[in-house]
Protein backbone atom coordinates (compact mmCIF):
# COMPACT_ATOMS: atom_id res chain seq x y z
CA MET A 1 22.47 -27.06 78.55
CA ALA A 2 24.62 -25.86 75.46
CA ARG A 3 22.53 -27.91 73.33
CA GLU A 4 19.31 -27.01 74.33
CA GLY A 5 20.56 -23.29 74.03
CA ALA A 6 21.60 -23.85 70.51
CA GLN A 7 18.18 -25.23 69.73
CA ARG A 8 15.97 -22.32 71.41
CA LYS A 9 18.27 -20.13 69.46
CA SER A 10 17.42 -22.11 65.67
CA ALA A 11 13.68 -22.07 66.84
CA THR A 12 13.18 -18.38 67.58
CA ARG A 13 10.73 -16.85 65.95
CA SER A 14 10.93 -13.91 63.93
CA PRO A 15 8.03 -10.91 63.88
CA ASP A 16 7.01 -12.07 60.76
CA GLY A 17 6.69 -15.74 62.07
CA PRO A 18 8.70 -18.94 62.44
CA ALA A 19 12.50 -18.97 61.56
CA LYS A 20 13.37 -20.05 58.79
CA VAL A 21 15.29 -23.12 59.74
CA THR A 22 16.75 -25.36 56.31
CA ILE A 23 16.60 -28.59 55.84
CA THR A 24 20.41 -28.82 55.59
CA GLU A 25 20.60 -27.48 59.59
CA ILE A 26 17.98 -30.38 60.14
CA ALA A 27 19.97 -32.91 58.98
CA ARG A 28 23.36 -31.89 60.39
CA GLU A 29 21.37 -31.97 63.77
CA ALA A 30 19.85 -35.00 63.12
CA GLY A 31 23.07 -36.45 61.95
CA VAL A 32 21.34 -37.76 58.75
CA SER A 33 22.06 -36.75 54.96
CA VAL A 34 20.07 -34.09 53.64
CA PRO A 35 18.06 -36.21 51.12
CA THR A 36 16.77 -38.25 53.95
CA VAL A 37 15.56 -35.42 55.74
CA SER A 38 13.69 -34.23 52.38
CA ARG A 39 12.31 -37.73 51.93
CA VAL A 40 10.63 -37.45 55.49
CA VAL A 41 9.43 -33.51 54.64
CA ASN A 42 7.90 -35.14 51.26
CA GLY A 43 5.87 -37.85 52.94
CA ARG A 44 8.00 -40.54 51.77
CA SER A 45 8.05 -44.12 53.10
CA ASP A 46 11.99 -45.29 52.62
CA VAL A 47 12.99 -44.11 55.95
CA SER A 48 13.69 -46.08 59.11
CA PRO A 49 11.23 -45.57 61.64
CA ALA A 50 13.42 -44.19 64.18
CA THR A 51 14.75 -41.85 62.08
CA ARG A 52 11.78 -40.85 60.16
CA ALA A 53 10.68 -40.25 64.21
CA ARG A 54 14.28 -38.42 64.83
CA ILE A 55 13.49 -36.16 61.99
CA GLU A 56 9.99 -35.14 62.74
CA ASP A 57 10.65 -34.23 66.39
CA LEU A 58 13.17 -31.96 64.89
CA LEU A 59 10.81 -30.69 62.57
CA HIS A 60 8.42 -29.96 65.35
CA ARG A 61 10.62 -28.27 67.60
CA HIS A 62 12.09 -26.13 65.12
CA GLY A 63 8.77 -25.12 63.67
CA TYR A 64 9.84 -26.09 60.07
CA ARG A 65 7.28 -25.42 57.20
CA ARG A 66 7.54 -27.34 53.72
CA ARG A 67 6.82 -23.84 51.19
CA GLN A 68 3.43 -24.42 49.66
CA GLY A 69 3.35 -25.50 46.06
CA ALA A 70 7.13 -27.04 46.57
CA PRO A 71 7.37 -29.81 43.92
CA ASP A 72 8.38 -32.80 45.30
CA ARG A 73 11.65 -33.91 44.52
CA ALA A 74 12.56 -37.26 42.42
CA ALA A 75 14.63 -39.36 43.78
CA LEU A 76 18.10 -39.88 41.97
CA LEU A 77 21.48 -41.91 42.18
CA ASP A 78 24.23 -40.31 39.98
CA LEU A 79 26.70 -43.20 38.67
CA VAL A 80 30.16 -41.85 37.48
CA PHE A 81 32.45 -43.55 35.29
CA ASN A 82 36.10 -42.31 33.84
CA ASP A 83 35.04 -43.27 30.41
CA LEU A 84 31.70 -44.44 28.89
CA ASP A 85 32.84 -45.79 25.70
CA SER A 86 32.67 -49.76 26.81
CA PRO A 87 30.28 -52.40 26.75
CA TRP A 88 31.74 -52.87 30.29
CA ALA A 89 30.15 -50.05 31.52
CA VAL A 90 27.21 -50.88 29.75
CA GLU A 91 26.74 -53.95 32.12
CA ILE A 92 27.36 -51.77 35.02
CA ILE A 93 24.53 -49.39 34.18
CA ARG A 94 22.38 -52.15 33.73
CA GLY A 95 22.63 -53.35 36.69
CA VAL A 96 22.54 -50.18 39.06
CA GLU A 97 19.28 -49.06 36.96
CA GLU A 98 17.71 -52.36 37.59
CA VAL A 99 17.78 -52.00 41.14
CA ALA A 100 16.94 -48.09 41.04
CA HIS A 101 13.92 -48.33 38.88
CA GLU A 102 12.40 -51.19 41.47
CA ALA A 103 13.32 -48.46 44.15
CA GLY A 104 11.83 -45.28 42.63
CA PHE A 105 15.15 -44.06 41.84
CA GLY A 106 15.96 -42.10 38.83
CA THR A 107 19.80 -42.89 37.47
CA VAL A 108 22.41 -40.26 36.38
CA VAL A 109 25.13 -41.31 34.62
CA SER A 110 28.19 -39.27 33.91
CA ALA A 111 31.86 -39.57 32.71
CA ILE A 112 34.73 -37.27 34.28
CA HIS A 113 37.63 -38.45 32.21
CA GLY A 114 39.80 -36.46 30.38
CA ARG A 115 37.94 -32.84 30.21
CA ALA A 116 39.25 -30.35 32.25
CA GLY A 117 37.12 -29.43 35.23
CA ALA A 118 34.49 -32.21 34.27
CA ALA A 119 34.44 -33.93 37.87
CA ARG A 120 34.02 -30.19 39.40
CA GLN A 121 31.36 -29.19 36.86
CA TRP A 122 29.65 -32.76 37.94
CA MET A 123 29.71 -31.84 41.76
CA THR A 124 28.25 -28.34 40.89
CA ASN A 125 25.42 -30.29 39.06
CA LEU A 126 25.29 -33.04 41.89
CA ARG A 127 24.40 -30.25 44.31
CA ALA A 128 21.70 -28.46 41.95
CA ARG A 129 19.65 -32.08 41.89
CA ALA A 130 20.03 -32.79 45.26
CA SER A 131 21.13 -36.60 44.43
CA ASP A 132 20.36 -39.05 46.96
CA GLY A 133 23.36 -41.11 46.41
CA VAL A 134 26.65 -41.64 44.36
CA ILE A 135 28.54 -44.61 42.77
CA LEU A 136 31.69 -44.14 41.80
CA VAL A 137 32.82 -46.60 39.31
CA THR A 138 37.07 -47.46 38.82
CA SER A 139 37.61 -43.31 39.10
CA ALA A 140 38.94 -41.37 41.54
CA LEU A 141 37.70 -37.95 42.72
CA GLU A 142 39.87 -35.21 44.26
CA PRO A 143 39.99 -35.13 48.21
CA GLY A 144 38.16 -32.12 48.01
CA LEU A 145 35.31 -33.18 46.26
CA HIS A 146 35.26 -36.33 48.38
CA ASP A 147 35.30 -33.70 51.35
CA GLU A 148 32.19 -31.74 49.62
CA LEU A 149 30.21 -35.19 49.46
CA ARG A 150 30.40 -36.00 53.47
CA ARG A 151 29.73 -32.34 54.48
CA LEU A 152 26.34 -32.72 51.84
CA GLY A 153 25.51 -35.91 53.67
CA VAL A 154 25.49 -37.79 50.11
CA PRO A 155 26.57 -41.39 50.72
CA LEU A 156 29.21 -42.94 48.15
CA VAL A 157 29.67 -46.41 47.25
CA VAL A 158 32.53 -47.23 45.22
CA VAL A 159 32.86 -50.17 42.52
CA ASP A 160 36.33 -50.94 41.71
CA PRO A 161 38.12 -48.72 43.52
CA ALA A 162 41.59 -46.96 41.64
CA GLY A 163 43.42 -47.23 44.96
CA SER A 164 42.70 -47.98 48.75
CA PRO A 165 39.29 -46.56 49.77
CA ALA A 166 38.83 -44.30 52.61
CA SER A 167 37.56 -46.81 55.95
CA GLN A 168 34.25 -44.90 55.68
CA GLU A 169 33.48 -45.59 51.71
CA PRO A 170 31.66 -48.99 50.88
CA THR A 171 33.44 -50.85 47.96
CA VAL A 172 31.97 -53.63 45.60
CA GLY A 173 34.36 -55.64 43.50
CA ALA A 174 35.07 -59.18 42.12
CA THR A 175 37.72 -61.65 43.23
CA ASN A 176 40.18 -60.57 40.46
CA TRP A 177 43.49 -62.07 42.06
CA ALA A 178 41.63 -65.46 41.59
CA GLY A 179 40.04 -64.99 38.36
CA GLY A 180 43.68 -64.40 37.14
CA MET A 181 45.04 -67.23 39.01
CA ALA A 182 42.36 -69.50 37.52
CA ALA A 183 42.46 -67.92 33.68
CA THR A 184 46.44 -68.80 34.10
CA GLU A 185 46.08 -72.37 35.63
CA HIS A 186 43.97 -73.10 32.92
CA LEU A 187 46.47 -72.54 30.40
CA LEU A 188 49.13 -74.58 32.68
CA ALA A 189 46.72 -77.05 32.63
CA LEU A 190 46.85 -77.26 28.41
CA GLY A 191 50.65 -77.61 28.77
CA HIS A 192 51.80 -74.05 28.07
CA ARG A 193 54.67 -72.69 30.10
CA ARG A 194 55.72 -69.49 27.91
CA ILE A 195 52.32 -67.54 28.38
CA GLY A 196 51.91 -63.72 27.80
CA PHE A 197 50.18 -61.19 30.16
CA ILE A 198 48.77 -57.63 28.75
CA GLU A 199 48.14 -55.90 31.75
CA GLY A 200 45.35 -53.32 32.78
CA PRO A 201 46.12 -49.78 33.64
CA PRO A 202 48.44 -50.32 37.38
CA ARG A 203 46.68 -47.32 39.23
CA LEU A 204 43.69 -50.02 39.29
CA LEU A 205 43.46 -52.20 41.95
CA CYS A 206 42.01 -54.54 39.81
CA SER A 207 44.79 -54.91 37.40
CA ARG A 208 47.22 -55.55 39.57
CA ALA A 209 45.27 -57.99 41.50
CA ARG A 210 44.81 -59.96 37.93
CA LEU A 211 48.68 -59.44 37.75
CA ASP A 212 49.19 -61.19 41.16
CA GLY A 213 47.08 -63.93 40.10
CA TYR A 214 48.88 -64.62 36.94
CA ARG A 215 52.06 -64.56 38.85
CA ALA A 216 50.77 -66.56 42.01
CA ALA A 217 49.38 -69.53 39.24
CA LEU A 218 53.22 -69.77 37.77
CA ASP A 219 54.98 -69.80 41.18
CA VAL A 220 52.78 -72.52 41.98
CA ALA A 221 53.60 -74.44 38.97
CA GLY A 222 57.03 -73.80 39.62
CA VAL A 223 57.27 -71.86 35.94
CA PRO A 224 59.58 -68.91 36.10
CA VAL A 225 57.97 -65.03 35.42
CA ASP A 226 59.48 -64.11 32.40
CA GLU A 227 59.47 -60.45 32.60
CA THR A 228 59.71 -60.03 28.80
CA LEU A 229 56.42 -61.67 28.84
CA VAL A 230 54.22 -58.98 30.78
CA VAL A 231 53.64 -55.69 28.56
CA PRO A 232 51.29 -52.72 29.29
CA GLY A 233 47.78 -52.11 28.37
CA ASP A 234 44.56 -50.26 29.30
CA PHE A 235 41.90 -52.37 28.98
CA TYR A 236 40.87 -51.08 25.36
CA HIS A 237 41.46 -52.90 21.91
CA GLU A 238 44.19 -51.01 20.78
CA SER A 239 46.59 -52.06 23.46
CA GLY A 240 45.68 -55.44 23.27
CA PHE A 241 46.27 -55.47 19.49
CA THR A 242 49.84 -53.80 19.82
CA GLY A 243 50.49 -55.64 23.23
CA CYS A 244 50.10 -59.27 21.41
CA ASN A 245 52.31 -57.65 18.71
CA GLN A 246 55.41 -56.62 21.24
CA LEU A 247 54.95 -60.50 22.24
CA LEU A 248 54.88 -62.13 18.86
CA ASP A 249 57.95 -60.06 17.90
CA LEU A 250 59.89 -61.53 20.73
CA ALA A 251 62.94 -64.37 20.05
CA ASP A 252 60.92 -66.83 21.60
CA PRO A 253 57.24 -65.56 21.66
CA PRO A 254 54.73 -66.95 24.05
CA THR A 255 52.23 -70.12 23.18
CA ALA A 256 49.78 -68.20 25.21
CA VAL A 257 48.42 -64.73 25.83
CA PHE A 258 46.31 -64.07 28.89
CA ALA A 259 44.47 -60.33 28.38
CA ALA A 260 43.61 -58.37 31.71
CA SER A 261 40.25 -57.68 29.57
CA ASP A 262 37.79 -59.01 27.11
CA GLN A 263 38.64 -55.79 24.96
CA MET A 264 42.28 -56.56 24.82
CA ALA A 265 42.07 -60.05 24.11
CA LEU A 266 39.76 -59.25 20.77
CA GLY A 267 42.79 -56.88 20.33
CA ALA A 268 45.12 -59.83 20.63
CA ILE A 269 43.29 -61.83 18.46
CA GLU A 270 43.08 -59.58 15.56
CA ALA A 271 46.72 -58.95 15.97
CA LEU A 272 47.01 -62.79 15.71
CA ARG A 273 44.79 -62.65 12.55
CA ARG A 274 46.79 -60.31 10.78
CA ARG A 275 49.65 -62.19 11.18
CA GLY A 276 48.15 -65.09 9.59
CA LEU A 277 48.31 -67.11 12.81
CA ARG A 278 45.37 -69.44 13.93
CA VAL A 279 43.50 -68.89 17.37
CA PRO A 280 43.92 -71.65 19.08
CA GLU A 281 45.80 -73.74 16.88
CA ASP A 282 48.93 -71.15 16.73
CA MET A 283 48.02 -69.06 20.13
CA SER A 284 45.67 -69.67 22.57
CA VAL A 285 43.96 -66.85 23.95
CA VAL A 286 42.46 -65.98 27.41
CA GLY A 287 40.19 -62.64 28.24
CA PHE A 288 38.54 -61.24 31.48
CA ASP A 289 35.17 -59.91 31.93
CA ASP A 290 33.06 -62.15 29.66
CA LEU A 291 31.24 -59.63 28.05
CA PRO A 292 28.20 -60.41 25.79
CA GLU A 293 30.07 -59.84 22.67
CA VAL A 294 32.78 -62.50 22.97
CA ARG A 295 30.20 -65.51 22.79
CA TRP A 296 30.23 -64.05 19.22
CA SER A 297 34.00 -63.81 18.53
CA ALA A 298 35.74 -66.10 15.79
CA PRO A 299 36.79 -68.20 17.99
CA PRO A 300 34.31 -67.70 21.07
CA LEU A 301 36.53 -66.45 24.06
CA THR A 302 37.60 -68.12 26.54
CA THR A 303 37.49 -65.81 29.57
CA VAL A 304 37.05 -65.05 33.17
CA ARG A 305 33.56 -64.05 33.90
CA GLN A 306 33.01 -61.24 36.80
CA PRO A 307 29.12 -60.46 37.65
CA LEU A 308 29.38 -56.75 36.24
CA ALA A 309 25.59 -56.45 36.29
CA ASP A 310 25.39 -58.00 39.70
CA MET A 311 28.15 -55.79 40.99
CA GLY A 312 25.86 -52.87 39.75
CA LYS A 313 23.00 -54.00 41.53
CA LEU A 314 24.89 -54.88 44.90
CA ALA A 315 26.17 -51.05 44.42
CA ALA A 316 23.01 -49.37 43.92
CA ARG A 317 21.12 -51.50 46.75
CA SER A 318 24.09 -50.62 48.87
CA VAL A 319 24.01 -46.40 48.21
CA ILE A 320 20.27 -46.79 48.49
CA ASP A 321 20.40 -48.32 51.85
CA LEU A 322 22.97 -45.83 53.18
CA ALA A 323 20.52 -42.89 51.59
CA ARG A 324 17.98 -44.66 53.86
CA SER A 325 20.45 -44.26 57.24
CA VAL A 326 20.83 -48.41 57.07
CA ALA A 327 24.54 -49.01 57.20
CA PRO A 328 25.72 -51.99 54.48
CA ALA A 329 25.77 -55.46 56.26
CA SER A 330 29.63 -55.25 55.30
CA PRO A 331 31.69 -52.33 53.97
CA ARG A 332 34.32 -54.28 51.90
CA VAL A 333 32.22 -57.21 49.20
CA GLU A 334 34.03 -58.98 46.69
CA LEU A 335 31.80 -61.01 44.26
CA ALA A 336 33.15 -64.46 42.46
CA THR A 337 34.70 -64.79 39.22
CA GLU A 338 34.64 -67.70 37.21
CA LEU A 339 36.41 -69.05 34.23
CA VAL A 340 34.18 -69.75 31.25
CA VAL A 341 35.84 -71.86 28.36
CA ARG A 342 35.19 -71.48 25.19
CA ALA A 343 37.10 -72.36 21.95
CA SER A 344 39.94 -69.87 21.74
CA THR A 345 42.04 -71.87 24.22
CA GLY A 346 43.83 -75.38 23.39
CA GLU A 347 47.08 -77.46 23.74
CA PRO A 348 50.27 -75.70 22.77
CA ARG A 349 51.21 -76.86 19.27
CA ALA A 350 53.82 -79.47 18.70
CA VAL A 351 56.88 -77.95 17.83
């Protein structure tokens, strides 16, 4: 009875005509996002029949009238990164854009790291353009912004979550632990026993998983983990260069280096070159990502391929499904990594 009373009140007509019920109110009553109601109002076909029928019934009962001359709103996805100064980000964008284009969605790309108030400004812009969904990549939003997304009914999918994601947020990642183990096992199989590791940012789950895979491979092989061989990094070239120099300065330096990203691996190769050392004759180097550029490095880089473009594609399909009120098949998806052996690894130099 209370629900019926609320509906009658909402549909009360003023002397000037029907009550001005809003799309937001319709979405709240239908239990869907605002963009889903907008698609029904605009006659779009990408809404499930059951959801469409429920929304159309509410629109009819509340006497909703679309403003004459109001332009159709373009379907949009927001793709949000910490930074955009990496070919890694470009691969994710390529995958998202391919799926979004096929589905008739535009893509808005933003970076929110390192600028005061950037995340809140992004949220203000998102509200203004009424985005249909958000893909968040290796980043973290303030809790209040997560709450705002939920209030607006905007679906969210997280790629490589920075921390443990909330239970209602679908995530897409790669088998980082298995990749870290495969890279280390490859070096062990070549005969290396002192293997340096250049970490990624420890706040990221993917970084910690790659380190855990490295440790697990050493443990299985019966090789004690020497903590002096684990040095910090941030996924970028400079930290690979610095980390490799730190390893080379040890009294007993490693014979191989596993860097937790390709960019750090390329930085490590440059550090070796400047010291007159050869790869892999003097030191083997392994990276992680398989960015397009590493096939052309000197020498071509052995690395762990993670399917970055495929991760972007899957994230885009998932958030579009959510925008259409279709639940994802699985809330947690990890795509397989693969070791790609090239010329930067070999047997350790005989002493």
